[in-house]
Amino acid sequence: MQGRKTALIVRMSDGQRDELLSCLRAQKTPVGLAKRAWAMLLLADGQSYAATARQVGLAERHVRKWAKRFLSA
């Protein structure tokens, strides 16, 4: 794999993971929120930003933006 390593490594507790998973399972969750939750779960599982963006259907810069927000919270 080429390219530089990212400084943003997403890690989450079991409680955070459970909260995001329940958000994904809920039928009333808005699509944007569900995409962000799915992206954070994929990043926490070790997937790259580019692969996560392709899978979720967001731009890579938006995945990075939400990762920064998730890590600062």
PDB file of N, CA and C in Angstrom:
ATOM      1  N   MET A   1       0.829  -1.165   0.000  1.00  0.00           N
ATOM      2  CA  MET A   1       0.000   0.000   0.000  1.00  0.00           C
ATOM      3  C   MET A   1       0.884   1.243   0.000  1.00  0.00           C
ATOM      4  N   GLN A   2       0.533   2.201  -0.830  1.00  0.00           N
ATOM      5  CA  GLN A   2       1.312   3.422  -0.889  1.00  0.00           C
ATOM      6  C   GLN A   2       0.575   4.547  -0.202  1.00  0.00           C
ATOM      7  N   GLY A   3       1.243   5.646  -0.046  1.00  0.00           N
ATOM      8  CA  GLY A   3       0.629   6.804   0.577  1.00  0.00           C
ATOM      9  C   GLY A   3       1.122   6.988   1.993  1.00  0.00           C
ATOM     10  N   ARG A   4       0.742   8.103   2.551  1.00  0.00           N
ATOM     11  CA  ARG A   4       1.181   8.396   3.908  1.00  0.00           C
ATOM     12  C   ARG A   4       0.203   7.833   4.925  1.00  0.00           C
ATOM     13  N   LYS A   5       0.691   7.653   6.115  1.00  0.00           N
ATOM     14  CA  LYS A   5      -0.142   7.150   7.210  1.00  0.00           C
ATOM     15  C   LYS A   5      -0.966   8.300   7.780  1.00  0.00           C
ATOM     16  N   THR A   6      -2.134   7.992   8.239  1.00  0.00           N
ATOM     17  CA  THR A   6      -2.987   9.019   8.807  1.00  0.00           C
ATOM     18  C   THR A   6      -2.704   9.188  10.297  1.00  0.00           C
ATOM     19  N   ALA A   7      -2.889  10.398  10.754  1.00  0.00           N
ATOM     20  CA  ALA A   7      -2.738  10.675  12.179  1.00  0.00           C
ATOM     21  C   ALA A   7      -4.056  10.451  12.913  1.00  0.00           C
ATOM     22  N   LEU A   8      -5.138  10.320  12.163  1.00  0.00           N
ATOM     23  CA  LEU A   8      -6.462  10.127  12.748  1.00  0.00           C
ATOM     24  C   LEU A   8      -6.793   8.644  12.805  1.00  0.00           C
ATOM     25  N   ILE A   9      -6.638   8.056  13.954  1.00  0.00           N
ATOM     26  CA  ILE A   9      -6.973   6.652  14.145  1.00  0.00           C
ATOM     27  C   ILE A   9      -8.192   6.605  15.052  1.00  0.00           C
ATOM     28  N   VAL A  10      -9.267   6.053  14.528  1.00  0.00           N
ATOM     29  CA  VAL A  10     -10.528   6.022  15.265  1.00  0.00           C
ATOM     30  C   VAL A  10     -10.559   4.783  16.146  1.00  0.00           C
ATOM     31  N   ARG A  11     -10.705   5.020  17.441  1.00  0.00           N
ATOM     32  CA  ARG A  11     -10.902   3.940  18.405  1.00  0.00           C
ATOM     33  C   ARG A  11     -12.128   4.294  19.218  1.00  0.00           C
ATOM     34  N   MET A  12     -12.879   3.283  19.621  1.00  0.00           N
ATOM     35  CA  MET A  12     -14.081   3.564  20.397  1.00  0.00           C
ATOM     36  C   MET A  12     -14.290   2.504  21.459  1.00  0.00           C
ATOM     37  N   SER A  13     -15.011   2.892  22.483  1.00  0.00           N
ATOM     38  CA  SER A  13     -15.327   1.969  23.561  1.00  0.00           C
ATOM     39  C   SER A  13     -16.489   1.070  23.125  1.00  0.00           C
ATOM     40  N   ASP A  14     -16.740   0.050  23.918  1.00  0.00           N
ATOM     41  CA  ASP A  14     -17.856  -0.849  23.618  1.00  0.00           C
ATOM     42  C   ASP A  14     -19.188  -0.097  23.688  1.00  0.00           C
ATOM     43  N   GLY A  15     -19.288   0.833  24.605  1.00  0.00           N
ATOM     44  CA  GLY A  15     -20.510   1.624  24.728  1.00  0.00           C
ATOM     45  C   GLY A  15     -20.766   2.482  23.495  1.00  0.00           C
ATOM     46  N   GLN A  16     -19.700   3.112  22.999  1.00  0.00           N
ATOM     47  CA  GLN A  16     -19.833   3.919  21.788  1.00  0.00           C
ATOM     48  C   GLN A  16     -20.212   3.040  20.599  1.00  0.00           C
ATOM     49  N   ARG A  17     -19.576   1.887  20.492  1.00  0.00           N
ATOM     50  CA  ARG A  17     -19.873   0.963  19.387  1.00  0.00           C
ATOM     51  C   ARG A  17     -21.338   0.513  19.453  1.00  0.00           C
ATOM     52  N   ASP A  18     -21.815   0.185  20.647  1.00  0.00           N
ATOM     53  CA  ASP A  18     -23.203  -0.241  20.813  1.00  0.00           C
ATOM     54  C   ASP A  18     -24.174   0.880  20.435  1.00  0.00           C
ATOM     55  N   GLU A  19     -23.828   2.101  20.812  1.00  0.00           N
ATOM     56  CA  GLU A  19     -24.684   3.245  20.497  1.00  0.00           C
ATOM     57  C   GLU A  19     -24.764   3.466  18.981  1.00  0.00           C
ATOM     58  N   LEU A  20     -23.632   3.365  18.293  1.00  0.00           N
ATOM     59  CA  LEU A  20     -23.629   3.544  16.843  1.00  0.00           C
ATOM     60  C   LEU A  20     -24.365   2.404  16.141  1.00  0.00           C
ATOM     61  N   LEU A  21     -24.201   1.193  16.636  1.00  0.00           N
ATOM     62  CA  LEU A  21     -24.904   0.055  16.043  1.00  0.00           C
ATOM     63  C   LEU A  21     -26.416   0.177  16.227  1.00  0.00           C
ATOM     64  N   SER A  22     -26.849   0.641  17.388  1.00  0.00           N
ATOM     65  CA  SER A  22     -28.284   0.815  17.608  1.00  0.00           C
ATOM     66  C   SER A  22     -28.827   1.927  16.715  1.00  0.00           C
ATOM     67  N   CYS A  23     -28.003   2.936  16.465  1.00  0.00           N
ATOM     68  CA  CYS A  23     -28.388   4.014  15.555  1.00  0.00           C
ATOM     69  C   CYS A  23     -28.574   3.460  14.138  1.00  0.00           C
ATOM     70  N   LEU A  24     -27.721   2.556  13.732  1.00  0.00           N
ATOM     71  CA  LEU A  24     -27.831   1.951  12.403  1.00  0.00           C
ATOM     72  C   LEU A  24     -29.059   1.048  12.294  1.00  0.00           C
ATOM     73  N   ARG A  25     -29.399   0.371  13.357  1.00  0.00           N
ATOM     74  CA  ARG A  25     -30.521  -0.564  13.333  1.00  0.00           C
ATOM     75  C   ARG A  25     -31.881   0.128  13.388  1.00  0.00           C
ATOM     76  N   ALA A  26     -31.922   1.323  13.956  1.00  0.00           N
ATOM     77  CA  ALA A  26     -33.186   2.033  14.110  1.00  0.00           C
ATOM     78  C   ALA A  26     -33.727   2.461  12.745  1.00  0.00           C
ATOM     79  N   GLN A  27     -34.995   2.248  12.533  1.00  0.00           N
ATOM     80  CA  GLN A  27     -35.600   2.575  11.244  1.00  0.00           C
ATOM     81  C   GLN A  27     -35.863   4.069  11.078  1.00  0.00           C
ATOM     82  N   LYS A  28     -35.911   4.800  12.153  1.00  0.00           N
ATOM     83  CA  LYS A  28     -36.207   6.232  12.086  1.00  0.00           C
ATOM     84  C   LYS A  28     -34.947   7.103  12.026  1.00  0.00           C
ATOM     85  N   THR A  29     -33.764   6.487  11.962  1.00  0.00           N
ATOM     86  CA  THR A  29     -32.522   7.254  11.902  1.00  0.00           C
ATOM     87  C   THR A  29     -32.400   7.925  10.544  1.00  0.00           C
ATOM     88  N   PRO A  30     -32.122   9.229  10.497  1.00  0.00           N
ATOM     89  CA  PRO A  30     -31.909   9.901   9.218  1.00  0.00           C
ATOM     90  C   PRO A  30     -30.725   9.283   8.462  1.00  0.00           C
ATOM     91  N   VAL A  31     -30.791   9.305   7.145  1.00  0.00           N
ATOM     92  CA  VAL A  31     -29.792   8.644   6.306  1.00  0.00           C
ATOM     93  C   VAL A  31     -28.393   9.216   6.549  1.00  0.00           C
ATOM     94  N   GLY A  32     -28.285  10.522   6.673  1.00  0.00           N
ATOM     95  CA  GLY A  32     -26.977  11.142   6.886  1.00  0.00           C
ATOM     96  C   GLY A  32     -26.326  10.680   8.180  1.00  0.00           C
ATOM     97  N   LEU A  33     -27.110  10.606   9.229  1.00  0.00           N
ATOM     98  CA  LEU A  33     -26.596  10.151  10.518  1.00  0.00           C
ATOM     99  C   LEU A  33     -26.186   8.681  10.451  1.00  0.00           C
ATOM    100  N   ALA A  34     -26.971   7.880   9.754  1.00  0.00           N
ATOM    101  CA  ALA A  34     -26.646   6.462   9.612  1.00  0.00           C
ATOM    102  C   ALA A  34     -25.344   6.274   8.828  1.00  0.00           C
ATOM    103  N   LYS A  35     -25.141   7.078   7.791  1.00  0.00           N
ATOM    104  CA  LYS A  35     -23.893   6.991   7.011  1.00  0.00           C
ATOM    105  C   LYS A  35     -22.690   7.354   7.869  1.00  0.00           C
ATOM    106  N   ARG A  36     -22.847   8.389   8.686  1.00  0.00           N
ATOM    107  CA  ARG A  36     -21.734   8.796   9.551  1.00  0.00           C
ATOM    108  C   ARG A  36     -21.430   7.728  10.588  1.00  0.00           C
ATOM    109  N   ALA A  37     -22.458   7.133  11.160  1.00  0.00           N
ATOM    110  CA  ALA A  37     -22.250   6.071  12.144  1.00  0.00           C
ATOM    111  C   ALA A  37     -21.566   4.875  11.502  1.00  0.00           C
ATOM    112  N   TRP A  38     -22.024   4.493  10.306  1.00  0.00           N
ATOM    113  CA  TRP A  38     -21.434   3.374   9.581  1.00  0.00           C
ATOM    114  C   TRP A  38     -19.962   3.651   9.257  1.00  0.00           C
ATOM    115  N   ALA A  39     -19.663   4.882   8.853  1.00  0.00           N
ATOM    116  CA  ALA A  39     -18.280   5.256   8.533  1.00  0.00           C
ATOM    117  C   ALA A  39     -17.380   5.134   9.765  1.00  0.00           C
ATOM    118  N   MET A  40     -17.858   5.607  10.915  1.00  0.00           N
ATOM    119  CA  MET A  40     -17.037   5.534  12.124  1.00  0.00           C
ATOM    120  C   MET A  40     -16.806   4.086  12.542  1.00  0.00           C
ATOM    121  N   LEU A  41     -17.807   3.230  12.366  1.00  0.00           N
ATOM    122  CA  LEU A  41     -17.638   1.817  12.701  1.00  0.00           C
ATOM    123  C   LEU A  41     -16.615   1.159  11.777  1.00  0.00           C
ATOM    124  N   LEU A  42     -16.662   1.484  10.494  1.00  0.00           N
ATOM    125  CA  LEU A  42     -15.692   0.916   9.549  1.00  0.00           C
ATOM    126  C   LEU A  42     -14.278   1.390   9.866  1.00  0.00           C
ATOM    127  N   LEU A  43     -14.129   2.673  10.192  1.00  0.00           N
ATOM    128  CA  LEU A  43     -12.804   3.199  10.532  1.00  0.00           C
ATOM    129  C   LEU A  43     -12.277   2.550  11.812  1.00  0.00           C
ATOM    130  N   ALA A  44     -13.159   2.336  12.776  1.00  0.00           N
ATOM    131  CA  ALA A  44     -12.743   1.700  14.032  1.00  0.00           C
ATOM    132  C   ALA A  44     -12.315   0.253  13.799  1.00  0.00           C
ATOM    133  N   ASP A  45     -12.866  -0.381  12.760  1.00  0.00           N
ATOM    134  CA  ASP A  45     -12.479  -1.750  12.423  1.00  0.00           C
ATOM    135  C   ASP A  45     -11.188  -1.804  11.619  1.00  0.00           C
ATOM    136  N   GLY A  46     -10.604  -0.648  11.315  1.00  0.00           N
ATOM    137  CA  GLY A  46      -9.309  -0.614  10.655  1.00  0.00           C
ATOM    138  C   GLY A  46      -9.346  -0.392   9.159  1.00  0.00           C
ATOM    139  N   GLN A  47     -10.503  -0.072   8.620  1.00  0.00           N
ATOM    140  CA  GLN A  47     -10.591   0.170   7.188  1.00  0.00           C
ATOM    141  C   GLN A  47     -10.022   1.552   6.870  1.00  0.00           C
ATOM    142  N   SER A  48      -9.470   1.717   5.677  1.00  0.00           N
ATOM    143  CA  SER A  48      -8.875   2.992   5.286  1.00  0.00           C
ATOM    144  C   SER A  48      -9.957   4.031   5.023  1.00  0.00           C
ATOM    145  N   TYR A  49      -9.541   5.298   5.010  1.00  0.00           N
ATOM    146  CA  TYR A  49     -10.483   6.376   4.755  1.00  0.00           C
ATOM    147  C   TYR A  49     -11.047   6.288   3.341  1.00  0.00           C
ATOM    148  N   ALA A  50     -10.208   5.978   2.370  1.00  0.00           N
ATOM    149  CA  ALA A  50     -10.658   5.890   0.984  1.00  0.00           C
ATOM    150  C   ALA A  50     -11.654   4.748   0.806  1.00  0.00           C
ATOM    151  N   ALA A  51     -11.369   3.597   1.368  1.00  0.00           N
ATOM    152  CA  ALA A  51     -12.270   2.449   1.239  1.00  0.00           C
ATOM    153  C   ALA A  51     -13.584   2.715   1.980  1.00  0.00           C
ATOM    154  N   THR A  52     -13.498   3.349   3.128  1.00  0.00           N
ATOM    155  CA  THR A  52     -14.703   3.684   3.887  1.00  0.00           C
ATOM    156  C   THR A  52     -15.572   4.654   3.100  1.00  0.00           C
ATOM    157  N   ALA A  53     -14.960   5.666   2.518  1.00  0.00           N
ATOM    158  CA  ALA A  53     -15.713   6.655   1.740  1.00  0.00           C
ATOM    159  C   ALA A  53     -16.422   5.996   0.565  1.00  0.00           C
ATOM    160  N   ARG A  54     -15.738   5.099  -0.130  1.00  0.00           N
ATOM    161  CA  ARG A  54     -16.363   4.399  -1.261  1.00  0.00           C
ATOM    162  C   ARG A  54     -17.538   3.543  -0.794  1.00  0.00           C
ATOM    163  N   GLN A  55     -17.347   2.822   0.292  1.00  0.00           N
ATOM    164  CA  GLN A  55     -18.375   1.900   0.771  1.00  0.00           C
ATOM    165  C   GLN A  55     -19.612   2.636   1.289  1.00  0.00           C
ATOM    166  N   VAL A  56     -19.395   3.723   1.982  1.00  0.00           N
ATOM    167  CA  VAL A  56     -20.503   4.455   2.603  1.00  0.00           C
ATOM    168  C   VAL A  56     -21.173   5.403   1.606  1.00  0.00           C
ATOM    169  N   GLY A  57     -20.426   5.851   0.606  1.00  0.00           N
ATOM    170  CA  GLY A  57     -20.990   6.764  -0.384  1.00  0.00           C
ATOM    171  C   GLY A  57     -20.800   8.225  -0.031  1.00  0.00           C
ATOM    172  N   LEU A  58     -19.725   8.514   0.670  1.00  0.00           N
ATOM    173  CA  LEU A  58     -19.370   9.888   1.009  1.00  0.00           C
ATOM    174  C   LEU A  58     -18.026  10.225   0.372  1.00  0.00           C
ATOM    175  N   ALA A  59     -17.731  11.502   0.293  1.00  0.00           N
ATOM    176  CA  ALA A  59     -16.407  11.926  -0.151  1.00  0.00           C
ATOM    177  C   ALA A  59     -15.407  11.663   0.979  1.00  0.00           C
ATOM    178  N   GLU A  60     -14.170  11.362   0.614  1.00  0.00           N
ATOM    179  CA  GLU A  60     -13.153  11.058   1.623  1.00  0.00           C
ATOM    180  C   GLU A  60     -12.944  12.231   2.575  1.00  0.00           C
ATOM    181  N   ARG A  61     -13.031  13.451   2.064  1.00  0.00           N
ATOM    182  CA  ARG A  61     -12.832  14.617   2.946  1.00  0.00           C
ATOM    183  C   ARG A  61     -13.944  14.707   3.989  1.00  0.00           C
ATOM    184  N   HIS A  62     -15.153  14.259   3.630  1.00  0.00           N
ATOM    185  CA  HIS A  62     -16.241  14.272   4.611  1.00  0.00           C
ATOM    186  C   HIS A  62     -16.046  13.189   5.669  1.00  0.00           C
ATOM    187  N   VAL A  63     -15.516  12.049   5.263  1.00  0.00           N
ATOM    188  CA  VAL A  63     -15.226  10.986   6.237  1.00  0.00           C
ATOM    189  C   VAL A  63     -14.171  11.476   7.221  1.00  0.00           C
ATOM    190  N   ARG A  64     -13.152  12.156   6.713  1.00  0.00           N
ATOM    191  CA  ARG A  64     -12.115  12.707   7.599  1.00  0.00           C
ATOM    192  C   ARG A  64     -12.698  13.768   8.539  1.00  0.00           C
ATOM    193  N   LYS A  65     -13.585  14.619   8.010  1.00  0.00           N
ATOM    194  CA  LYS A  65     -14.205  15.659   8.834  1.00  0.00           C
ATOM    195  C   LYS A  65     -14.989  15.032   9.977  1.00  0.00           C
ATOM    196  N   TRP A  66     -15.774  13.993   9.684  1.00  0.00           N
ATOM    197  CA  TRP A  66     -16.573  13.359  10.727  1.00  0.00           C
ATOM    198  C   TRP A  66     -15.717  12.576  11.702  1.00  0.00           C
ATOM    199  N   ALA A  67     -14.596  12.038  11.220  1.00  0.00           N
ATOM    200  CA  ALA A  67     -13.679  11.350  12.126  1.00  0.00           C
ATOM    201  C   ALA A  67     -13.068  12.346  13.114  1.00  0.00           C
ATOM    202  N   LYS A  68     -12.692  13.522  12.626  1.00  0.00           N
ATOM    203  CA  LYS A  68     -12.155  14.562  13.516  1.00  0.00           C
ATOM    204  C   LYS A  68     -13.193  14.956  14.562  1.00  0.00           C
ATOM    205  N   ARG A  69     -14.436  15.121  14.123  1.00  0.00           N
ATOM    206  CA  ARG A  69     -15.503  15.490  15.064  1.00  0.00           C
ATOM    207  C   ARG A  69     -15.757  14.384  16.079  1.00  0.00           C
ATOM    208  N   PHE A  70     -15.718  13.147  15.617  1.00  0.00           N
ATOM    209  CA  PHE A  70     -15.936  12.015  16.515  1.00  0.00           C
ATOM    210  C   PHE A  70     -14.821  11.940  17.566  1.00  0.00           C
ATOM    211  N   LEU A  71     -13.579  12.164  17.131  1.00  0.00           N
ATOM    212  CA  LEU A  71     -12.444  12.086  18.053  1.00  0.00           C
ATOM    213  C   LEU A  71     -12.411  13.261  19.028  1.00  0.00           C
ATOM    214  N   SER A  72     -12.932  14.411  18.623  1.00  0.00           N
ATOM    215  CA  SER A  72     -12.908  15.553  19.524  1.00  0.00           C
ATOM    216  C   SER A  72     -14.034  15.500  20.556  1.00  0.00           C
ATOM    217  N   ALA A  73     -15.045  14.688  20.308  1.00  0.00           N
ATOM    218  CA  ALA A  73     -16.185  14.608  21.242  1.00  0.00           C
ATOM    219  C   ALA A  73     -15.871  13.758  22.449  1.00  0.00           C
TER     220      ALA A  73
END
